[in-house]
Amino acid sequence: MGAAVNRNRAKQFAANVLPIIGDVQKAGITTLDGIANALNARGIATARGGRWFASTVKNVFGYQAA
């Protein structure tokens, strides 16, 4: 049950942050590192309250497909 709750929270977080990532991409920043840097510069924390890295951006895209 805990894993399902975590998955649902991750999907919800991804749904909330994907439009922001889309704005970043429209501005011409398309690499995972570039997106992570842009999110950090905007002061947007990860789901756990931390900084963004290429891998965390990639994880968000993974939840988009799920």
N, C-alpha and C. Protein backbone atom coordinates (compact mmCIF):
# COMPACT_ATOMS: atom_id res chain seq x y z
N MET A 1 0.81 -1.19 0.00
CA MET A 1 0.00 0.00 0.00
C MET A 1 0.85 1.25 0.00
N GLY A 2 1.93 1.29 0.76
CA GLY A 2 2.82 2.45 0.82
C GLY A 2 3.43 2.77 -0.53
N ALA A 3 3.83 1.74 -1.27
CA ALA A 3 4.43 1.97 -2.58
C ALA A 3 3.44 2.59 -3.54
N ALA A 4 2.20 2.15 -3.49
CA ALA A 4 1.17 2.71 -4.37
C ALA A 4 0.93 4.18 -4.05
N VAL A 5 0.92 4.51 -2.78
CA VAL A 5 0.73 5.91 -2.37
C VAL A 5 1.89 6.76 -2.87
N ASN A 6 3.11 6.26 -2.73
CA ASN A 6 4.29 6.99 -3.21
C ASN A 6 4.24 7.19 -4.71
N ARG A 7 3.83 6.17 -5.44
CA ARG A 7 3.72 6.28 -6.90
C ARG A 7 2.71 7.35 -7.29
N ASN A 8 1.57 7.34 -6.61
CA ASN A 8 0.54 8.33 -6.91
C ASN A 8 1.00 9.75 -6.60
N ARG A 9 1.71 9.91 -5.50
CA ARG A 9 2.25 11.23 -5.16
C ARG A 9 3.27 11.68 -6.20
N ALA A 10 4.10 10.77 -6.65
CA ALA A 10 5.11 11.10 -7.66
C ALA A 10 4.43 11.50 -8.98
N LYS A 11 3.40 10.78 -9.36
CA LYS A 11 2.67 11.12 -10.59
C LYS A 11 2.01 12.48 -10.47
N GLN A 12 1.45 12.78 -9.31
CA GLN A 12 0.81 14.08 -9.11
C GLN A 12 1.84 15.20 -9.16
N PHE A 13 2.98 14.99 -8.53
CA PHE A 13 4.04 16.00 -8.56
C PHE A 13 4.50 16.22 -10.00
N ALA A 14 4.70 15.13 -10.73
CA ALA A 14 5.12 15.25 -12.13
C ALA A 14 4.09 16.03 -12.93
N ALA A 15 2.81 15.76 -12.72
CA ALA A 15 1.76 16.48 -13.44
C ALA A 15 1.80 17.97 -13.14
N ASN A 16 2.18 18.34 -11.93
CA ASN A 16 2.25 19.75 -11.55
C ASN A 16 3.49 20.44 -12.11
N VAL A 17 4.61 19.73 -12.19
CA VAL A 17 5.86 20.36 -12.61
C VAL A 17 6.06 20.30 -14.13
N LEU A 18 5.40 19.40 -14.82
CA LEU A 18 5.59 19.28 -16.27
C LEU A 18 5.24 20.56 -17.04
N PRO A 19 4.18 21.28 -16.68
CA PRO A 19 3.94 22.54 -17.40
C PRO A 19 5.07 23.56 -17.23
N ILE A 20 5.69 23.57 -16.07
CA ILE A 20 6.83 24.47 -15.84
C ILE A 20 8.00 24.04 -16.70
N ILE A 21 8.23 22.73 -16.76
CA ILE A 21 9.30 22.21 -17.62
C ILE A 21 9.00 22.56 -19.08
N GLY A 22 7.74 22.47 -19.46
CA GLY A 22 7.35 22.85 -20.82
C GLY A 22 7.68 24.30 -21.12
N ASP A 23 7.46 25.19 -20.17
CA ASP A 23 7.82 26.60 -20.35
C ASP A 23 9.32 26.77 -20.52
N VAL A 24 10.08 26.03 -19.73
CA VAL A 24 11.54 26.08 -19.82
C VAL A 24 11.97 25.61 -21.21
N GLN A 25 11.37 24.54 -21.70
CA GLN A 25 11.72 24.02 -23.02
C GLN A 25 11.34 25.01 -24.12
N LYS A 26 10.19 25.66 -23.99
CA LYS A 26 9.79 26.67 -24.98
C LYS A 26 10.77 27.83 -25.04
N ALA A 27 11.46 28.09 -23.93
CA ALA A 27 12.46 29.14 -23.88
C ALA A 27 13.77 28.69 -24.53
N GLY A 28 13.82 27.44 -25.00
CA GLY A 28 14.99 26.95 -25.72
C GLY A 28 15.93 26.09 -24.90
N ILE A 29 15.58 25.81 -23.67
CA ILE A 29 16.43 24.96 -22.82
C ILE A 29 15.88 23.55 -22.91
N THR A 30 16.63 22.66 -23.53
CA THR A 30 16.09 21.33 -23.79
C THR A 30 16.89 20.18 -23.19
N THR A 31 18.10 20.45 -22.71
CA THR A 31 18.87 19.35 -22.12
C THR A 31 18.39 19.11 -20.69
N LEU A 32 18.60 17.91 -20.20
CA LEU A 32 18.21 17.58 -18.83
C LEU A 32 18.94 18.47 -17.83
N ASP A 33 20.24 18.69 -18.05
CA ASP A 33 21.01 19.56 -17.16
C ASP A 33 20.49 20.98 -17.21
N GLY A 34 20.19 21.46 -18.40
CA GLY A 34 19.68 22.82 -18.56
C GLY A 34 18.34 23.01 -17.87
N ILE A 35 17.46 22.02 -18.01
CA ILE A 35 16.15 22.09 -17.36
C ILE A 35 16.33 22.07 -15.85
N ALA A 36 17.20 21.20 -15.35
CA ALA A 36 17.46 21.15 -13.90
C ALA A 36 17.97 22.48 -13.39
N ASN A 37 18.90 23.09 -14.11
CA ASN A 37 19.44 24.38 -13.70
C ASN A 37 18.36 25.46 -13.70
N ALA A 38 17.48 25.43 -14.70
CA ALA A 38 16.41 26.41 -14.79
C ALA A 38 15.42 26.26 -13.64
N LEU A 39 15.08 25.02 -13.30
CA LEU A 39 14.17 24.80 -12.18
C LEU A 39 14.79 25.27 -10.87
N ASN A 40 16.07 24.98 -10.69
CA ASN A 40 16.77 25.44 -9.49
C ASN A 40 16.82 26.96 -9.44
N ALA A 41 17.07 27.60 -10.58
CA ALA A 41 17.14 29.06 -10.63
C ALA A 41 15.79 29.69 -10.31
N ARG A 42 14.71 29.01 -10.65
CA ARG A 42 13.36 29.51 -10.35
C ARG A 42 12.94 29.21 -8.91
N GLY A 43 13.77 28.49 -8.19
CA GLY A 43 13.47 28.19 -6.80
C GLY A 43 12.44 27.09 -6.61
N ILE A 44 12.28 26.25 -7.63
CA ILE A 44 11.31 25.15 -7.56
C ILE A 44 12.02 23.93 -6.99
N ALA A 45 11.50 23.43 -5.90
CA ALA A 45 12.11 22.27 -5.24
C ALA A 45 11.58 20.98 -5.84
N THR A 46 12.33 19.92 -5.68
CA THR A 46 11.87 18.60 -6.09
C THR A 46 10.77 18.14 -5.14
N ALA A 47 10.20 17.01 -5.41
CA ALA A 47 9.14 16.47 -4.56
C ALA A 47 9.59 16.28 -3.12
N ARG A 48 10.85 16.03 -2.93
CA ARG A 48 11.39 15.84 -1.57
C ARG A 48 11.99 17.12 -1.01
N GLY A 49 11.82 18.22 -1.72
CA GLY A 49 12.31 19.51 -1.23
C GLY A 49 13.75 19.82 -1.56
N GLY A 50 14.34 19.04 -2.44
CA GLY A 50 15.75 19.24 -2.76
C GLY A 50 15.98 19.96 -4.08
N ARG A 51 17.23 19.90 -4.52
CA ARG A 51 17.64 20.51 -5.78
C ARG A 51 17.43 19.54 -6.94
N TRP A 52 17.29 20.11 -8.11
CA TRP A 52 17.10 19.32 -9.33
C TRP A 52 18.44 18.93 -9.92
N PHE A 53 18.48 17.74 -10.48
CA PHE A 53 19.61 17.24 -11.24
C PHE A 53 19.05 16.63 -12.52
N ALA A 54 19.91 16.34 -13.47
CA ALA A 54 19.45 15.75 -14.73
C ALA A 54 18.63 14.48 -14.46
N SER A 55 19.07 13.69 -13.50
CA SER A 55 18.37 12.43 -13.22
C SER A 55 16.97 12.65 -12.65
N THR A 56 16.78 13.71 -11.84
CA THR A 56 15.45 13.96 -11.30
C THR A 56 14.52 14.48 -12.38
N VAL A 57 15.06 15.26 -13.31
CA VAL A 57 14.24 15.70 -14.45
C VAL A 57 13.84 14.49 -15.29
N LYS A 58 14.78 13.60 -15.53
CA LYS A 58 14.50 12.39 -16.31
C LYS A 58 13.42 11.56 -15.63
N ASN A 59 13.46 11.48 -14.31
CA ASN A 59 12.44 10.72 -13.58
C ASN A 59 11.06 11.32 -13.78
N VAL A 60 10.95 12.64 -13.82
CA VAL A 60 9.67 13.29 -14.03
C VAL A 60 9.13 12.92 -15.40
N PHE A 61 9.99 12.89 -16.40
CA PHE A 61 9.54 12.48 -17.74
C PHE A 61 9.08 11.04 -17.74
N GLY A 62 9.66 10.21 -16.91
CA GLY A 62 9.25 8.81 -16.80
C GLY A 62 7.84 8.69 -16.26
N TYR A 63 7.47 9.56 -15.33
CA TYR A 63 6.10 9.52 -14.78
C TYR A 63 5.08 10.05 -15.78
N GLN A 64 5.55 10.88 -16.70
CA GLN A 64 4.66 11.40 -17.75
C GLN A 64 4.17 10.25 -18.62
N ALA A 65 5.04 9.31 -18.90
CA ALA A 65 4.69 8.18 -19.77
C ALA A 65 3.82 7.13 -19.05
N ALA A 66 3.92 7.11 -17.74
CA ALA A 66 3.21 6.08 -16.97
C ALA A 66 1.72 6.34 -16.85
